[in-house]
Structure formats: structure tokens, C-alpha cells
N, C-alpha and C. Protein backbone atom coordinates (compact mmCIF):
# COMPACT_ATOMS: atom_id res chain seq x y z
N MET A 1 10.74 20.90 15.21
CA MET A 1 11.95 20.13 15.05
C MET A 1 12.36 20.10 13.58
N ALA A 2 11.39 19.84 12.70
CA ALA A 2 11.70 19.79 11.27
C ALA A 2 12.27 21.12 10.79
N ASN A 3 11.70 22.21 11.26
CA ASN A 3 12.18 23.54 10.88
C ASN A 3 13.64 23.72 11.28
N GLN A 4 14.01 23.32 12.47
CA GLN A 4 15.39 23.45 12.94
C GLN A 4 16.34 22.61 12.11
N LEU A 5 15.93 21.38 11.78
CA LEU A 5 16.79 20.52 10.97
C LEU A 5 16.96 21.08 9.56
N LEU A 6 15.88 21.58 8.99
CA LEU A 6 15.95 22.16 7.65
C LEU A 6 16.80 23.43 7.63
N ALA A 7 16.73 24.20 8.68
CA ALA A 7 17.50 25.43 8.76
C ALA A 7 19.00 25.15 8.78
N ASP A 8 19.39 23.99 9.30
CA ASP A 8 20.80 23.61 9.33
C ASP A 8 21.36 23.44 7.93
N GLY A 9 20.54 22.93 7.03
CA GLY A 9 20.94 22.80 5.64
C GLY A 9 21.60 21.49 5.26
N SER A 10 21.97 20.69 6.22
CA SER A 10 22.65 19.44 5.88
C SER A 10 21.76 18.22 6.09
N PHE A 11 20.47 18.45 6.30
CA PHE A 11 19.55 17.35 6.57
C PHE A 11 18.46 17.23 5.51
N HIS A 12 18.05 15.99 5.28
CA HIS A 12 16.87 15.67 4.49
C HIS A 12 15.87 15.11 5.49
N VAL A 13 14.77 15.80 5.70
CA VAL A 13 13.80 15.44 6.73
C VAL A 13 12.67 14.62 6.13
N LEU A 14 12.39 13.49 6.75
CA LEU A 14 11.22 12.69 6.41
C LEU A 14 10.14 13.06 7.42
N LEU A 15 9.12 13.74 6.96
CA LEU A 15 8.06 14.21 7.83
C LEU A 15 6.95 13.18 7.86
N GLY A 16 6.81 12.48 8.96
CA GLY A 16 5.78 11.46 9.10
C GLY A 16 4.44 12.06 9.46
N ALA A 17 3.40 11.59 8.78
CA ALA A 17 2.05 12.09 9.04
C ALA A 17 1.03 11.00 8.75
N ARG A 18 0.00 10.92 9.59
CA ARG A 18 -1.11 9.97 9.35
C ARG A 18 -1.98 10.45 8.21
N SER A 19 -2.20 11.74 8.14
CA SER A 19 -3.07 12.33 7.13
C SER A 19 -2.22 12.87 5.98
N SER A 20 -2.48 12.36 4.78
CA SER A 20 -1.75 12.85 3.61
C SER A 20 -2.00 14.34 3.38
N GLU A 21 -3.26 14.76 3.57
CA GLU A 21 -3.60 16.17 3.36
C GLU A 21 -2.86 17.08 4.34
N LYS A 22 -2.88 16.73 5.61
CA LYS A 22 -2.20 17.55 6.61
C LYS A 22 -0.68 17.48 6.43
N GLY A 23 -0.19 16.30 6.07
CA GLY A 23 1.24 16.16 5.83
C GLY A 23 1.71 17.00 4.66
N GLN A 24 0.94 16.98 3.56
CA GLN A 24 1.29 17.79 2.39
C GLN A 24 1.27 19.28 2.74
N ALA A 25 0.30 19.68 3.54
CA ALA A 25 0.22 21.08 3.96
C ALA A 25 1.44 21.46 4.79
N ALA A 26 1.86 20.56 5.68
CA ALA A 26 3.03 20.83 6.51
C ALA A 26 4.29 20.91 5.66
N VAL A 27 4.43 20.01 4.69
CA VAL A 27 5.58 20.03 3.80
C VAL A 27 5.59 21.34 3.00
N ALA A 28 4.45 21.71 2.46
CA ALA A 28 4.36 22.95 1.67
C ALA A 28 4.72 24.16 2.52
N GLU A 29 4.25 24.17 3.76
CA GLU A 29 4.54 25.29 4.64
C GLU A 29 6.04 25.37 4.93
N LEU A 30 6.66 24.23 5.19
CA LEU A 30 8.11 24.21 5.45
C LEU A 30 8.88 24.64 4.20
N GLN A 31 8.47 24.15 3.04
CA GLN A 31 9.16 24.52 1.81
C GLN A 31 9.01 25.99 1.49
N SER A 32 7.90 26.60 1.90
CA SER A 32 7.69 28.02 1.64
C SER A 32 8.67 28.91 2.41
N ARG A 33 9.30 28.36 3.41
CA ARG A 33 10.28 29.12 4.20
C ARG A 33 11.64 29.21 3.53
N ASN A 34 11.80 28.48 2.42
CA ASN A 34 13.05 28.50 1.65
C ASN A 34 14.27 28.19 2.52
N LEU A 35 14.14 27.20 3.36
CA LEU A 35 15.25 26.76 4.19
C LEU A 35 16.18 25.89 3.35
N PRO A 36 17.45 25.80 3.70
CA PRO A 36 18.40 25.08 2.85
C PRO A 36 18.27 23.55 2.84
N GLY A 37 17.64 22.96 3.83
CA GLY A 37 17.45 21.51 3.85
C GLY A 37 16.31 21.09 2.96
N THR A 38 16.10 19.77 2.86
CA THR A 38 15.01 19.24 2.04
C THR A 38 14.07 18.42 2.91
N VAL A 39 12.82 18.35 2.45
CA VAL A 39 11.79 17.65 3.23
C VAL A 39 10.91 16.85 2.29
N GLU A 40 10.48 15.68 2.75
CA GLU A 40 9.50 14.89 1.99
C GLU A 40 8.52 14.26 2.97
N LEU A 41 7.34 14.00 2.47
CA LEU A 41 6.28 13.42 3.27
C LEU A 41 6.43 11.90 3.32
N LEU A 42 6.25 11.35 4.50
CA LEU A 42 6.25 9.90 4.70
C LEU A 42 4.95 9.56 5.40
N HIS A 43 4.07 8.84 4.68
CA HIS A 43 2.79 8.46 5.28
C HIS A 43 3.09 7.45 6.38
N LEU A 44 2.67 7.77 7.62
CA LEU A 44 3.02 6.94 8.76
C LEU A 44 2.00 7.13 9.87
N ASP A 45 1.45 6.01 10.33
CA ASP A 45 0.57 5.99 11.50
C ASP A 45 1.23 5.07 12.51
N VAL A 46 1.86 5.63 13.53
CA VAL A 46 2.62 4.82 14.48
C VAL A 46 1.74 3.89 15.30
N ALA A 47 0.45 4.09 15.27
CA ALA A 47 -0.47 3.20 15.99
C ALA A 47 -0.87 1.98 15.14
N ASP A 48 -0.43 1.95 13.90
CA ASP A 48 -0.77 0.88 12.97
C ASP A 48 0.50 0.15 12.55
N GLU A 49 0.66 -1.08 13.01
CA GLU A 49 1.88 -1.85 12.74
C GLU A 49 2.17 -1.96 11.25
N HIS A 50 1.13 -2.17 10.44
CA HIS A 50 1.32 -2.30 9.00
C HIS A 50 1.84 -1.00 8.39
N SER A 51 1.37 0.12 8.89
CA SER A 51 1.83 1.42 8.42
C SER A 51 3.31 1.62 8.75
N VAL A 52 3.70 1.22 9.94
CA VAL A 52 5.10 1.35 10.37
C VAL A 52 6.00 0.48 9.49
N ILE A 53 5.59 -0.75 9.25
CA ILE A 53 6.37 -1.67 8.42
C ILE A 53 6.48 -1.13 6.99
N ALA A 54 5.39 -0.64 6.44
CA ALA A 54 5.39 -0.09 5.09
C ALA A 54 6.30 1.14 5.00
N ALA A 55 6.25 2.00 6.00
CA ALA A 55 7.09 3.20 6.02
C ALA A 55 8.56 2.82 6.10
N ALA A 56 8.88 1.86 6.95
CA ALA A 56 10.27 1.41 7.10
C ALA A 56 10.78 0.83 5.78
N LYS A 57 9.97 0.05 5.10
CA LYS A 57 10.35 -0.54 3.82
C LYS A 57 10.59 0.55 2.78
N LEU A 58 9.70 1.52 2.73
CA LEU A 58 9.85 2.63 1.77
C LEU A 58 11.12 3.42 2.03
N VAL A 59 11.40 3.71 3.29
CA VAL A 59 12.62 4.46 3.63
C VAL A 59 13.85 3.67 3.22
N GLU A 60 13.84 2.37 3.51
CA GLU A 60 15.00 1.55 3.13
C GLU A 60 15.18 1.51 1.62
N GLU A 61 14.09 1.39 0.88
CA GLU A 61 14.17 1.35 -0.58
C GLU A 61 14.67 2.66 -1.18
N LYS A 62 14.15 3.78 -0.64
CA LYS A 62 14.50 5.09 -1.21
C LYS A 62 15.82 5.63 -0.69
N HIS A 63 16.16 5.30 0.56
CA HIS A 63 17.30 5.94 1.20
C HIS A 63 18.38 4.96 1.67
N GLY A 64 18.13 3.68 1.53
CA GLY A 64 19.13 2.68 1.86
C GLY A 64 19.33 2.40 3.33
N ARG A 65 18.48 2.96 4.15
CA ARG A 65 18.56 2.70 5.60
C ARG A 65 17.30 3.12 6.28
């Protein structure tokens, strides 16, 4: 899904991942494709309420929504 959104070129993708290491690897792999969109890692564990709240707060602070 992230690849398709990045290929469109008009999207900034927030890639959620529980593992920072695996998330960084996924971001690096997507960036290596030189797609026109942008991607950033968002640490997120949907099974952890505190993680979800922290991610939502970070997104609102950085992106305004």
C-alpha cells in the first residue's frame, strides 16, 4: 500500500511499525525505490493504547491533524 501511495507522488506516508529497526528498514527500502512521494516512520503498536495515543499526539503536532 505504501509503495502505491508513494508512486502517486502526491502523498506523504506515515509508516507505522512496532519495531523501530524493522520500520527503519522498510522506510529505507521504500526510499531506495526513488518514488516521488515521501515516507517517514511512526512508532506505533496498535495493541498498546499508550502507543496509539502517543502516535496520534505526534502526528497532530507534526502534521496538524
